[in-house]
Every structure is written in C-alpha cells, then in structure tokens.
Amino acid sequence: MTAISFPKSLAVAAAGLAMFFSSELSLAQENIATTRIINDIAYFQGEGADAERHALNLVLPADGAPRATVLWIHGGAWASGGREHEMGLAEALAREGIAVAVMSYRLSPGRWMSENLPDTGIQHPAHIEDVARAFAWMWENADAHGLDRDALFVSGFSAGGHLSALLATDERYLQAHDLTLDAVAGSIPVAGTYDVPHYYDVIHDGMGADAARDHVIGVFGPREGHAAASPITYLDALQAPMLILSEGQTGLYTDHFATLIDGHAASELISFEHYPDDTHASLYFNMIDPEVASPARQVMLDFIDGVLVR
C-alpha cells in the first residue's frame, strides 16, 4: 500500500489517539440531582480479578426507569485510560433518560506511548473478554437496577470503538456468558478501527516498524492473529443496528471499513456520521463535557431512540 505520512503532532492520533488524561481534563463529576451514581461495582470477581480494572460505574437518571442502557468503553489505545475519565458523558446521557455503565478493563503495555505507563500488560483477547464480562453483568443485574434487557447498547471511543464493534459482531465472547448477539440492541463505535491488519499497516507506514511492533503487536499479538481481532471478519454475524461515528484525524479507518462493507448484506444495518472538522481529541472532549451541546452525543441519542421504536 502507499505509505502514509503523518505529521508528528498526529502520531498519537494515528495510533488510536491514546488519551494522556491529566487531572484537569478528567472531568470527574459530582453526584448531582439529575443523576444517581453507583461507583466501583465489580463486574468480575473470579480467579485473576483485578479490583480496579474489573469494575464499572453505573450512572442512572435520577427519576424513573431508563429507557435504554449503554455500556461505555473508554479509549486510550488499549493501554491507558479508565472509567473515571468518562463520567461526564455518562452524566449527560443520564440527564436524557439513558443509563450508562462506564467500565474499566485490563490494559496492554503502554511504554511505547509514555514512559509513565507500564511496560507490561495483557493482550487480545483479554480486553474484549472484559467487555463481555461487563455486558453480562448488565444483563444479569438488570432487574436490580431497573434496566430493560431489550434495550442494552454498547458503545465506546477509539480503542473502545473497536471493542464495541467486536462485541457486536464476534459472538464468542458473549457465548462465554450464555448470551448471544441477540442481547445487543445496537452498537455505537466512535472513532475506532475495525480491521486490525489495515491498522497495523497504517501504523507501520505512518509511524514506523518500532511503533507497529510495540503498539499493534503489543496489543494484538502476532500478525497472523490480527484478522481474528477485527470486527470486519465477523460482518456476516451482525444482527443489530450499528452507528459508526468518525472524525477528521482517524476517519481513514472508518473510510476503509465503509469500502469493505459496500454491497454486503450487513451494510443495511450500518450507518455512518462523520465530523471532518473535529480532531480525535475535540470530538472526545465535546462528547464527555455534559455542559457542551455535542452534536455527536445527540446523534447517539437519536440512534438509540430510533432503534427502540423499531
């Protein structure tokens, strides 16, 4: 393929735009009257459980049962981030009557990205196994929290976009919890990558062999396993509507996906919304700021309501 040259300022964007979450940008939210928040719920307590990473925060509307619930998966190049940074988005959606389970998950090595991140960690499929565990927790605990099992959605940003699409297409991970893809009412991947072999090539050509090795192989293991980690591989299995949001910096991953699905039967279930004037960071920070009227967040709400009336 033709080599792609990325300005150094976009190097992190090309890698999935890992978020360097500073305390001033974390947007930790207070429990205010418009929402009810239950923090640090363990969604997995079996052998090898991590008390910090295998936990979620559940944000509920203050009054009445939510009309839908979203499992939200944070970004950070599969190597950084956590649920604490995503609470602004959850609050904004809860104000609109949508419950949000904001999950953390185990992380891959991140030293390639920052010397402040660990040089050890997990690889695929551990991330998506954690996502399936959190979704299964929502299903199993729906009655206790007034959640509608017929209205469970999955969404996420960047690495979380990839993981949300994978959960909605590769049934193996839900099957481990005696669930099927029928349990997913819809998915909303945001600014993710959906074809890992293509992602490897983009990183290799744009950032170099070391970045491709340390980042992509560090997350997904040897290249021969990359197709198995790609949502595009399982397109035939897609059952529920999918809305893919993208922005100007990493939209090439979505464009590639859109080309691959052209003419495929599953394309009837997939819609796209592109924000070319947004950067990866601006799209994210507008979405997670509850005081900003984020167009992307409104599109998410419209998509959920559209699915519910089908």
C-alpha atoms as a PDB file:
ATOM      1  CA  MET A   1       0.000   0.000   0.000  1.00  0.00           C
ATOM      2  CA  THR A   2       1.059   3.606  -0.435  1.00  0.00           C
ATOM      3  CA  ALA A   3       2.948   4.901   2.565  1.00  0.00           C
ATOM      4  CA  ILE A   4       1.054   7.457   4.581  1.00  0.00           C
ATOM      5  CA  SER A   5       2.984  10.313   6.120  1.00  0.00           C
ATOM      6  CA  PHE A   6       1.659  11.658   9.391  1.00  0.00           C
ATOM      7  CA  PRO A   7       2.789  14.908  10.975  1.00  0.00           C
ATOM      8  CA  LYS A   8       4.428  14.247  14.326  1.00  0.00           C
ATOM      9  CA  SER A   9       1.605  16.099  16.020  1.00  0.00           C
ATOM     10  CA  LEU A  10      -0.772  13.416  14.733  1.00  0.00           C
ATOM     11  CA  ALA A  11       1.365  10.430  15.651  1.00  0.00           C
ATOM     12  CA  VAL A  12      -0.697   9.582  18.688  1.00  0.00           C
ATOM     13  CA  ALA A  13      -3.885  10.112  16.674  1.00  0.00           C
ATOM     14  CA  ALA A  14      -2.718   7.603  14.089  1.00  0.00           C
ATOM     15  CA  ALA A  15      -2.081   5.084  16.851  1.00  0.00           C
ATOM     16  CA  GLY A  16      -5.672   5.259  18.031  1.00  0.00           C
ATOM     17  CA  LEU A  17      -5.105   8.536  19.847  1.00  0.00           C
ATOM     18  CA  ALA A  18      -4.298   7.355  23.310  1.00  0.00           C
ATOM     19  CA  MET A  19      -5.526   9.914  25.769  1.00  0.00           C
ATOM     20  CA  PHE A  20      -2.999  11.474  28.111  1.00  0.00           C
ATOM     21  CA  PHE A  21      -5.548  12.097  30.834  1.00  0.00           C
ATOM     22  CA  SER A  22      -4.423  14.903  33.086  1.00  0.00           C
ATOM     23  CA  SER A  23      -6.251  15.705  36.267  1.00  0.00           C
ATOM     24  CA  GLU A  24      -7.528  18.973  34.830  1.00  0.00           C
ATOM     25  CA  LEU A  25      -9.138  17.126  31.904  1.00  0.00           C
ATOM     26  CA  SER A  26     -10.539  14.156  33.763  1.00  0.00           C
ATOM     27  CA  LEU A  27     -13.898  15.884  34.269  1.00  0.00           C
ATOM     28  CA  ALA A  28     -14.683  13.898  37.401  1.00  0.00           C
ATOM     29  CA  GLN A  29     -18.322  14.568  38.118  1.00  0.00           C
ATOM     30  CA  GLU A  30     -20.196  15.126  41.338  1.00  0.00           C
ATOM     31  CA  ASN A  31     -23.378  13.200  42.024  1.00  0.00           C
ATOM     32  CA  ILE A  32     -25.987  15.871  41.344  1.00  0.00           C
ATOM     33  CA  ALA A  33     -29.755  15.823  41.490  1.00  0.00           C
ATOM     34  CA  THR A  34     -30.225  14.893  37.832  1.00  0.00           C
ATOM     35  CA  THR A  35     -28.428  11.557  38.145  1.00  0.00           C
ATOM     36  CA  ARG A  36     -27.839   8.662  40.512  1.00  0.00           C
ATOM     37  CA  ILE A  37     -24.328   7.219  40.550  1.00  0.00           C
ATOM     38  CA  ILE A  38     -23.127   3.911  41.927  1.00  0.00           C
ATOM     39  CA  ASN A  39     -19.355   3.784  41.744  1.00  0.00           C
ATOM     40  CA  ASP A  40     -16.881   0.920  41.651  1.00  0.00           C
ATOM     41  CA  ILE A  41     -19.186  -2.035  41.047  1.00  0.00           C
ATOM     42  CA  ALA A  42     -17.214  -5.237  40.494  1.00  0.00           C
ATOM     43  CA  TYR A  43     -18.387  -6.847  37.259  1.00  0.00           C
ATOM     44  CA  PHE A  44     -15.985  -9.771  37.620  1.00  0.00           C
ATOM     45  CA  GLN A  45     -14.778 -11.390  40.836  1.00  0.00           C
ATOM     46  CA  GLY A  46     -13.449 -14.724  39.636  1.00  0.00           C
ATOM     47  CA  GLU A  47      -9.914 -16.048  39.507  1.00  0.00           C
ATOM     48  CA  GLY A  48      -7.470 -13.359  38.404  1.00  0.00           C
ATOM     49  CA  ALA A  49      -9.906 -10.497  39.041  1.00  0.00           C
ATOM     50  CA  ASP A  50      -8.428  -7.002  39.237  1.00  0.00           C
ATOM     51  CA  ALA A  51     -10.342  -4.889  41.738  1.00  0.00           C
ATOM     52  CA  GLU A  52      -9.604  -1.645  39.881  1.00  0.00           C
ATOM     53  CA  ARG A  53      -9.866  -2.709  36.253  1.00  0.00           C
ATOM     54  CA  HIS A  54     -12.756  -5.193  36.596  1.00  0.00           C
ATOM     55  CA  ALA A  55     -15.145  -2.515  37.826  1.00  0.00           C
ATOM     56  CA  LEU A  56     -17.718  -0.129  36.427  1.00  0.00           C
ATOM     57  CA  ASN A  57     -19.624   2.973  37.479  1.00  0.00           C
ATOM     58  CA  LEU A  58     -23.371   2.874  36.894  1.00  0.00           C
ATOM     59  CA  VAL A  59     -24.974   6.242  36.168  1.00  0.00           C
ATOM     60  CA  LEU A  60     -28.780   6.319  36.228  1.00  0.00           C
ATOM     61  CA  PRO A  61     -31.406   9.002  35.646  1.00  0.00           C
ATOM     62  CA  ALA A  62     -32.477  10.498  38.941  1.00  0.00           C
ATOM     63  CA  ASP A  63     -36.159   9.853  38.335  1.00  0.00           C
ATOM     64  CA  GLY A  64     -37.828   6.945  36.614  1.00  0.00           C
ATOM     65  CA  ALA A  65     -36.536   3.889  34.846  1.00  0.00           C
ATOM     66  CA  PRO A  66     -34.071   4.498  31.985  1.00  0.00           C
ATOM     67  CA  ARG A  67     -35.432   3.835  28.524  1.00  0.00           C
ATOM     68  CA  ALA A  68     -32.116   2.248  27.500  1.00  0.00           C
ATOM     69  CA  THR A  69     -28.693   1.393  28.900  1.00  0.00           C
ATOM     70  CA  VAL A  70     -25.311   1.900  27.269  1.00  0.00           C
ATOM     71  CA  LEU A  71     -22.154   0.013  28.169  1.00  0.00           C
ATOM     72  CA  TRP A  72     -19.474   2.660  27.548  1.00  0.00           C
ATOM     73  CA  ILE A  73     -15.868   1.551  26.847  1.00  0.00           C
ATOM     74  CA  HIS A  74     -13.085   4.094  27.237  1.00  0.00           C
ATOM     75  CA  GLY A  75     -10.311   4.766  24.741  1.00  0.00           C
ATOM     76  CA  GLY A  76      -6.565   5.060  25.220  1.00  0.00           C
ATOM     77  CA  ALA A  77      -5.005   2.773  22.581  1.00  0.00           C
ATOM     78  CA  TRP A  78      -5.956  -0.280  24.674  1.00  0.00           C
ATOM     79  CA  ALA A  79      -3.118   0.801  27.022  1.00  0.00           C
ATOM     80  CA  SER A  80      -4.366   3.756  29.089  1.00  0.00           C
ATOM     81  CA  GLY A  81      -7.491   5.419  30.412  1.00  0.00           C
ATOM     82  CA  GLY A  82     -10.222   4.349  32.794  1.00  0.00           C
ATOM     83  CA  ARG A  83     -13.843   4.814  33.733  1.00  0.00           C
ATOM     84  CA  GLU A  84     -13.109   7.850  35.911  1.00  0.00           C
ATOM     85  CA  HIS A  85     -12.458   9.975  32.819  1.00  0.00           C
ATOM     86  CA  GLU A  86     -15.760   9.141  31.137  1.00  0.00           C
ATOM     87  CA  MET A  87     -18.246  10.237  33.760  1.00  0.00           C
ATOM     88  CA  GLY A  88     -19.183  13.494  32.037  1.00  0.00           C
ATOM     89  CA  LEU A  89     -20.594  11.600  29.044  1.00  0.00           C
ATOM     90  CA  ALA A  90     -22.469   9.251  31.341  1.00  0.00           C
ATOM     91  CA  GLU A  91     -23.971  12.170  33.228  1.00  0.00           C
ATOM     92  CA  ALA A  92     -25.053  13.879  30.009  1.00  0.00           C
ATOM     93  CA  LEU A  93     -26.777  10.731  28.734  1.00  0.00           C
ATOM     94  CA  ALA A  94     -28.384  10.011  32.104  1.00  0.00           C
ATOM     95  CA  ARG A  95     -29.892  13.505  32.056  1.00  0.00           C
ATOM     96  CA  GLU A  96     -31.625  12.382  28.856  1.00  0.00           C
ATOM     97  CA  GLY A  97     -33.030   9.201  30.411  1.00  0.00           C
ATOM     98  CA  ILE A  98     -30.256   6.795  29.337  1.00  0.00           C
ATOM     99  CA  ALA A  99     -28.435   4.711  31.941  1.00  0.00           C
ATOM    100  CA  VAL A 100     -24.707   4.252  31.367  1.00  0.00           C
ATOM    101  CA  ALA A 101     -22.393   1.562  32.724  1.00  0.00           C
ATOM    102  CA  VAL A 102     -18.920   3.088  32.412  1.00  0.00           C
ATOM    103  CA  MET A 103     -16.388   0.265  32.537  1.00  0.00           C
ATOM    104  CA  SER A 104     -12.671  -0.110  33.008  1.00  0.00           C
ATOM    105  CA  TYR A 105     -10.767  -3.058  31.550  1.00  0.00           C
ATOM    106  CA  ARG A 106      -7.305  -4.553  31.732  1.00  0.00           C
ATOM    107  CA  LEU A 107      -4.669  -2.743  29.693  1.00  0.00           C
ATOM    108  CA  SER A 108      -1.842  -3.613  27.323  1.00  0.00           C
ATOM    109  CA  PRO A 109       1.734  -2.332  27.745  1.00  0.00           C
ATOM    110  CA  GLY A 110       1.920   1.420  27.167  1.00  0.00           C
ATOM    111  CA  ARG A 111       5.598   2.262  27.493  1.00  0.00           C
ATOM    112  CA  TRP A 112       5.762   2.831  23.700  1.00  0.00           C
ATOM    113  CA  MET A 113       3.409   5.756  24.278  1.00  0.00           C
ATOM    114  CA  SER A 114       4.670   7.239  27.528  1.00  0.00           C
ATOM    115  CA  GLU A 115       7.416   6.422  29.995  1.00  0.00           C
ATOM    116  CA  ASN A 116       4.801   6.928  32.690  1.00  0.00           C
ATOM    117  CA  LEU A 117       2.861   3.857  31.550  1.00  0.00           C
ATOM    118  CA  PRO A 118       3.713   0.221  32.377  1.00  0.00           C
ATOM    119  CA  ASP A 119       5.814  -1.906  30.035  1.00  0.00           C
ATOM    120  CA  THR A 120       3.811  -4.997  30.948  1.00  0.00           C
ATOM    121  CA  GLY A 121       0.150  -5.836  30.457  1.00  0.00           C
ATOM    122  CA  ILE A 122      -2.332  -8.045  28.678  1.00  0.00           C
ATOM    123  CA  GLN A 123      -3.029  -8.791  25.013  1.00  0.00           C
ATOM    124  CA  HIS A 124      -6.094  -9.537  22.935  1.00  0.00           C
ATOM    125  CA  PRO A 125      -8.487 -11.176  23.669  1.00  0.00           C
ATOM    126  CA  ALA A 126      -8.304 -10.089  27.317  1.00  0.00           C
ATOM    127  CA  HIS A 127      -9.769  -6.619  26.602  1.00  0.00           C
ATOM    128  CA  ILE A 128     -12.830  -7.959  24.793  1.00  0.00           C
ATOM    129  CA  GLU A 129     -13.268 -10.708  27.390  1.00  0.00           C
ATOM    130  CA  ASP A 130     -13.573  -7.957  29.990  1.00  0.00           C
ATOM    131  CA  VAL A 131     -16.092  -6.098  27.832  1.00  0.00           C
ATOM    132  CA  ALA A 132     -18.204  -9.247  27.570  1.00  0.00           C
ATOM    133  CA  ARG A 133     -17.996  -9.696  31.337  1.00  0.00           C
ATOM    134  CA  ALA A 134     -19.276  -6.157  31.893  1.00  0.00           C
ATOM    135  CA  PHE A 135     -22.104  -6.650  29.396  1.00  0.00           C
ATOM    136  CA  ALA A 136     -23.042  -9.915  31.095  1.00  0.00           C
ATOM    137  CA  TRP A 137     -23.106  -8.061  34.432  1.00  0.00           C
ATOM    138  CA  MET A 138     -25.626  -5.580  32.962  1.00  0.00           C
ATOM    139  CA  TRP A 139     -27.765  -8.439  31.710  1.00  0.00           C
ATOM    140  CA  GLU A 140     -27.651 -10.375  34.972  1.00  0.00           C
ATOM    141  CA  ASN A 141     -28.276  -7.327  37.183  1.00  0.00           C
ATOM    142  CA  ALA A 142     -30.824  -5.557  35.007  1.00  0.00           C
ATOM    143  CA  ASP A 143     -33.775  -6.189  37.320  1.00  0.00           C
ATOM    144  CA  ALA A 144     -31.908  -4.935  40.379  1.00  0.00           C
ATOM    145  CA  HIS A 145     -31.267  -1.564  38.726  1.00  0.00           C
ATOM    146  CA  GLY A 146     -34.414  -1.144  36.637  1.00  0.00           C
ATOM    147  CA  LEU A 147     -32.673  -1.765  33.297  1.00  0.00           C
ATOM    148  CA  ASP A 148     -34.531  -3.063  30.253  1.00  0.00           C
ATOM    149  CA  ARG A 149     -32.796  -6.175  28.849  1.00  0.00           C
ATOM    150  CA  ASP A 150     -34.336  -5.432  25.454  1.00  0.00           C
ATOM    151  CA  ALA A 151     -32.551  -2.059  25.327  1.00  0.00           C
ATOM    152  CA  LEU A 152     -28.892  -2.795  26.111  1.00  0.00           C
ATOM    153  CA  PHE A 153     -26.441  -0.970  23.834  1.00  0.00           C
ATOM    154  CA  VAL A 154     -22.657  -0.991  23.601  1.00  0.00           C
ATOM    155  CA  SER A 155     -20.525   1.990  22.661  1.00  0.00           C
ATOM    156  CA  GLY A 156     -17.030   3.329  23.112  1.00  0.00           C
ATOM    157  CA  PHE A 157     -14.393   5.717  21.864  1.00  0.00           C
ATOM    158  CA  SER A 158     -11.187   4.913  19.931  1.00  0.00           C
ATOM    159  CA  ALA A 159      -9.969   1.589  21.383  1.00  0.00           C
ATOM    160  CA  GLY A 160     -13.442   1.406  22.902  1.00  0.00           C
ATOM    161  CA  GLY A 161     -14.909   1.886  19.431  1.00  0.00           C
ATOM    162  CA  HIS A 162     -13.050  -1.183  18.207  1.00  0.00           C
ATOM    163  CA  LEU A 163     -14.131  -3.183  21.257  1.00  0.00           C
ATOM    164  CA  SER A 164     -17.782  -2.170  20.991  1.00  0.00           C
ATOM    165  CA  ALA A 165     -17.862  -3.214  17.329  1.00  0.00           C
ATOM    166  CA  LEU A 166     -16.143  -6.501  18.124  1.00  0.00           C
ATOM    167  CA  LEU A 167     -18.621  -7.361  20.875  1.00  0.00           C
ATOM    168  CA  ALA A 168     -21.489  -6.737  18.434  1.00  0.00           C
ATOM    169  CA  THR A 169     -20.021  -8.983  15.716  1.00  0.00           C
ATOM    170  CA  ASP A 170     -17.944 -11.811  17.258  1.00  0.00           C
ATOM    171  CA  GLU A 171     -20.375 -13.880  19.290  1.00  0.00           C
ATOM    172  CA  ARG A 172     -17.729 -15.994  21.058  1.00  0.00           C
ATOM    173  CA  TYR A 173     -17.264 -13.561  23.906  1.00  0.00           C
ATOM    174  CA  LEU A 174     -20.950 -13.303  24.812  1.00  0.00           C
ATOM    175  CA  GLN A 175     -21.360 -17.045  24.385  1.00  0.00           C
ATOM    176  CA  ALA A 176     -18.893 -17.496  27.234  1.00  0.00           C
ATOM    177  CA  HIS A 177     -21.655 -15.993  29.419  1.00  0.00           C
ATOM    178  CA  ASP A 178     -24.517 -17.941  27.844  1.00  0.00           C
ATOM    179  CA  LEU A 179     -25.581 -14.899  25.831  1.00  0.00           C
ATOM    180  CA  THR A 180     -25.880 -14.360  22.083  1.00  0.00           C
ATOM    181  CA  LEU A 181     -25.688 -11.314  19.842  1.00  0.00           C
ATOM    182  CA  ASP A 182     -29.455 -11.008  20.285  1.00  0.00           C
ATOM    183  CA  ALA A 183     -28.691  -9.468  23.684  1.00  0.00           C
ATOM    184  CA  VAL A 184     -27.183  -6.388  21.983  1.00  0.00           C
ATOM    185  CA  ALA A 185     -29.873  -3.937  20.869  1.00  0.00           C
ATOM    186  CA  GLY A 186     -27.392  -1.791  18.981  1.00  0.00           C
ATOM    187  CA  SER A 187     -23.785  -0.629  18.891  1.00  0.00           C
ATOM    188  CA  ILE A 188     -22.230   2.820  18.520  1.00  0.00           C
ATOM    189  CA  PRO A 189     -18.491   2.600  17.807  1.00  0.00           C
ATOM    190  CA  VAL A 190     -16.835   6.026  17.871  1.00  0.00           C
ATOM    191  CA  ALA A 191     -13.535   6.817  16.124  1.00  0.00           C
ATOM    192  CA  GLY A 192     -12.295   3.232  16.214  1.00  0.00           C
ATOM    193  CA  THR A 193     -10.505   0.850  13.901  1.00  0.00           C
ATOM    194  CA  TYR A 194     -12.332  -2.165  12.522  1.00  0.00           C
ATOM    195  CA  ASP A 195      -9.689  -4.024  10.506  1.00  0.00           C
ATOM    196  CA  VAL A 196      -6.573  -4.702  12.589  1.00  0.00           C
ATOM    197  CA  PRO A 197      -4.342  -5.807   9.658  1.00  0.00           C
ATOM    198  CA  HIS A 198      -5.111  -2.458   7.986  1.00  0.00           C
ATOM    199  CA  TYR A 199      -4.462  -0.678  11.287  1.00  0.00           C
ATOM    200  CA  TYR A 200      -1.060  -2.361  11.530  1.00  0.00           C
ATOM    201  CA  ASP A 201      -0.187  -1.206   8.011  1.00  0.00           C
ATOM    202  CA  VAL A 202      -1.231   2.386   8.740  1.00  0.00           C
ATOM    203  CA  ILE A 203       0.837   2.494  11.927  1.00  0.00           C
ATOM    204  CA  HIS A 204       3.807   0.817  10.244  1.00  0.00           C
ATOM    205  CA  ASP A 205       3.763   3.206   7.281  1.00  0.00           C
ATOM    206  CA  GLY A 206       2.968   6.326   9.290  1.00  0.00           C
ATOM    207  CA  MET A 207       4.954   5.808  12.495  1.00  0.00           C
ATOM    208  CA  GLY A 208       7.495   3.126  11.708  1.00  0.00           C
ATOM    209  CA  ALA A 209       8.267  -0.505  12.414  1.00  0.00           C
ATOM    210  CA  ASP A 210       9.021   0.042  16.102  1.00  0.00           C
ATOM    211  CA  ALA A 211       5.602   1.614  16.734  1.00  0.00           C
ATOM    212  CA  ALA A 212       3.848  -1.150  14.805  1.00  0.00           C
ATOM    213  CA  ARG A 213       5.687  -3.752  16.865  1.00  0.00           C
ATOM    214  CA  ASP A 214       5.416  -2.126  20.277  1.00  0.00           C
ATOM    215  CA  HIS A 215       1.869  -0.855  19.877  1.00  0.00           C
ATOM    216  CA  VAL A 216      -0.122  -3.065  17.495  1.00  0.00           C
ATOM    217  CA  ILE A 217       1.649  -6.359  18.136  1.00  0.00           C
ATOM    218  CA  GLY A 218       1.873  -5.392  21.793  1.00  0.00           C
ATOM    219  CA  VAL A 219      -1.925  -5.164  21.890  1.00  0.00           C
ATOM    220  CA  PHE A 220      -2.967  -7.908  19.476  1.00  0.00           C
ATOM    221  CA  GLY A 221      -0.057 -10.331  19.408  1.00  0.00           C
ATOM    222  CA  PRO A 222       1.491 -11.830  16.231  1.00  0.00           C
ATOM    223  CA  ARG A 223       0.165 -10.590  12.908  1.00  0.00           C
ATOM    224  CA  GLU A 224      -1.378 -13.924  11.964  1.00  0.00           C
ATOM    225  CA  GLY A 225      -3.955 -13.370  14.706  1.00  0.00           C
ATOM    226  CA  HIS A 226      -4.943  -9.835  13.706  1.00  0.00           C
ATOM    227  CA  ALA A 227      -7.829 -10.785  11.439  1.00  0.00           C
ATOM    228  CA  ALA A 228      -9.420 -12.689  14.331  1.00  0.00           C
ATOM    229  CA  ALA A 229      -9.388  -9.467  16.360  1.00  0.00           C
ATOM    230  CA  SER A 230     -11.142  -7.475  13.617  1.00  0.00           C
ATOM    231  CA  PRO A 231     -14.865  -6.689  13.593  1.00  0.00           C
ATOM    232  CA  ILE A 232     -14.847  -6.773   9.788  1.00  0.00           C
ATOM    233  CA  THR A 233     -14.066 -10.507   9.956  1.00  0.00           C
ATOM    234  CA  TYR A 234     -17.446 -11.218  11.562  1.00  0.00           C
ATOM    235  CA  LEU A 235     -19.651  -8.941   9.489  1.00  0.00           C
ATOM    236  CA  ASP A 236     -21.895 -11.853   8.493  1.00  0.00           C
ATOM    237  CA  ALA A 237     -22.897 -12.262  12.146  1.00  0.00           C
ATOM    238  CA  LEU A 238     -24.050  -8.660  12.696  1.00  0.00           C
ATOM    239  CA  GLN A 239     -27.684  -8.645  13.828  1.00  0.00           C
ATOM    240  CA  ALA A 240     -28.345  -5.294  15.480  1.00  0.00           C
ATOM    241  CA  PRO A 241     -28.095  -1.780  14.030  1.00  0.00           C
ATOM    242  CA  MET A 242     -24.675  -0.152  14.226  1.00  0.00           C
ATOM    243  CA  LEU A 243     -23.903   3.573  14.079  1.00  0.00           C
ATOM    244  CA  ILE A 244     -20.252   4.458  13.428  1.00  0.00           C
ATOM    245  CA  LEU A 245     -19.058   7.963  14.297  1.00  0.00           C
ATOM    246  CA  SER A 246     -15.756   9.294  12.987  1.00  0.00           C
ATOM    247  CA  GLU A 247     -13.706  12.488  12.847  1.00  0.00           C
ATOM    248  CA  GLY A 248     -11.097  14.104  10.642  1.00  0.00           C
ATOM    249  CA  GLN A 249      -7.944  12.558  12.052  1.00  0.00           C
ATOM    250  CA  THR A 250      -8.766   8.874  12.227  1.00  0.00           C
ATOM    251  CA  GLY A 251     -11.599   8.766   9.731  1.00  0.00           C
ATOM    252  CA  LEU A 252      -9.367   6.741   7.392  1.00  0.00           C
ATOM    253  CA  TYR A 253     -10.173   3.656   9.486  1.00  0.00           C
ATOM    254  CA  THR A 254     -13.898   4.245   9.055  1.00  0.00           C
ATOM    255  CA  ASP A 255     -13.481   5.002   5.344  1.00  0.00           C
ATOM    256  CA  HIS A 256     -11.631   1.702   4.916  1.00  0.00           C
ATOM    257  CA  PHE A 257     -14.395  -0.142   6.745  1.00  0.00           C
ATOM    258  CA  ALA A 258     -17.091   1.541   4.669  1.00  0.00           C
ATOM    259  CA  THR A 259     -15.331   0.442   1.485  1.00  0.00           C
ATOM    260  CA  LEU A 260     -15.119  -3.162   2.676  1.00  0.00           C
ATOM    261  CA  ILE A 261     -18.812  -3.394   3.568  1.00  0.00           C
ATOM    262  CA  ASP A 262     -20.036  -1.863   0.309  1.00  0.00           C
ATOM    263  CA  GLY A 263     -22.547  -4.281  -1.157  1.00  0.00           C
ATOM    264  CA  HIS A 264     -22.533  -6.570   1.868  1.00  0.00           C
ATOM    265  CA  ALA A 265     -25.942  -7.502   3.289  1.00  0.00           C
ATOM    266  CA  ALA A 266     -24.882  -6.217   6.725  1.00  0.00           C
ATOM    267  CA  SER A 267     -24.412  -2.722   5.279  1.00  0.00           C
ATOM    268  CA  GLU A 268     -28.168  -2.244   5.625  1.00  0.00           C
ATOM    269  CA  LEU A 269     -27.689  -2.344   9.390  1.00  0.00           C
ATOM    270  CA  ILE A 270     -24.761   0.090   9.466  1.00  0.00           C
ATOM    271  CA  SER A 271     -24.936   3.878   9.281  1.00  0.00           C
ATOM    272  CA  PHE A 272     -22.199   6.497   9.494  1.00  0.00           C
ATOM    273  CA  GLU A 273     -21.861  10.007  10.847  1.00  0.00           C
ATOM    274  CA  HIS A 274     -18.639  11.865  10.062  1.00  0.00           C
ATOM    275  CA  TYR A 275     -17.310  15.049  11.684  1.00  0.00           C
ATOM    276  CA  PRO A 276     -14.438  16.114   9.407  1.00  0.00           C
ATOM    277  CA  ASP A 277     -13.785  19.386  11.216  1.00  0.00           C
ATOM    278  CA  ASP A 278     -13.237  17.626  14.539  1.00  0.00           C
ATOM    279  CA  THR A 279      -9.965  16.182  15.728  1.00  0.00           C
ATOM    280  CA  HIS A 280      -9.883  12.949  17.691  1.00  0.00           C
ATOM    281  CA  ALA A 281      -9.433  14.995  20.865  1.00  0.00           C
ATOM    282  CA  SER A 282     -12.084  17.642  20.143  1.00  0.00           C
ATOM    283  CA  LEU A 283     -14.738  15.062  19.307  1.00  0.00           C
ATOM    284  CA  TYR A 284     -13.968  13.214  22.531  1.00  0.00           C
ATOM    285  CA  PHE A 285     -13.822  16.193  24.869  1.00  0.00           C
ATOM    286  CA  ASN A 286     -17.030  17.676  23.474  1.00  0.00           C
ATOM    287  CA  MET A 287     -18.790  14.340  23.942  1.00  0.00           C
ATOM    288  CA  ILE A 288     -17.708  13.934  27.564  1.00  0.00           C
ATOM    289  CA  ASP A 289     -18.425  17.505  28.679  1.00  0.00           C
ATOM    290  CA  PRO A 290     -22.030  17.483  29.917  1.00  0.00           C
ATOM    291  CA  GLU A 291     -22.250  21.257  29.560  1.00  0.00           C
ATOM    292  CA  VAL A 292     -21.403  21.202  25.840  1.00  0.00           C
ATOM    293  CA  ALA A 293     -24.150  20.631  23.263  1.00  0.00           C
ATOM    294  CA  SER A 294     -22.264  17.866  21.466  1.00  0.00           C
ATOM    295  CA  PRO A 295     -23.740  17.014  18.023  1.00  0.00           C
ATOM    296  CA  ALA A 296     -22.179  13.541  18.244  1.00  0.00           C
ATOM    297  CA  ARG A 297     -23.824  12.870  21.574  1.00  0.00           C
ATOM    298  CA  GLN A 298     -27.185  13.973  20.179  1.00  0.00           C
ATOM    299  CA  VAL A 299     -26.746  11.624  17.220  1.00  0.00           C
ATOM    300  CA  MET A 300     -26.137   8.802  19.697  1.00  0.00           C
ATOM    301  CA  LEU A 301     -29.392   9.627  21.456  1.00  0.00           C
ATOM    302  CA  ASP A 302     -31.307   9.815  18.175  1.00  0.00           C
ATOM    303  CA  PHE A 303     -29.892   6.448  17.101  1.00  0.00           C
ATOM    304  CA  ILE A 304     -30.887   4.791  20.388  1.00  0.00           C
ATOM    305  CA  ASP A 305     -34.414   6.171  20.160  1.00  0.00           C
ATOM    306  CA  GLY A 306     -34.656   5.062  16.538  1.00  0.00           C
ATOM    307  CA  VAL A 307     -33.699   1.501  17.469  1.00  0.00           C
ATOM    308  CA  LEU A 308     -36.192   1.444  20.334  1.00  0.00           C
ATOM    309  CA  VAL A 309     -39.156   2.257  18.098  1.00  0.00           C
ATOM    310  CA  ARG A 310     -38.366  -0.462  15.511  1.00  0.00           C
END
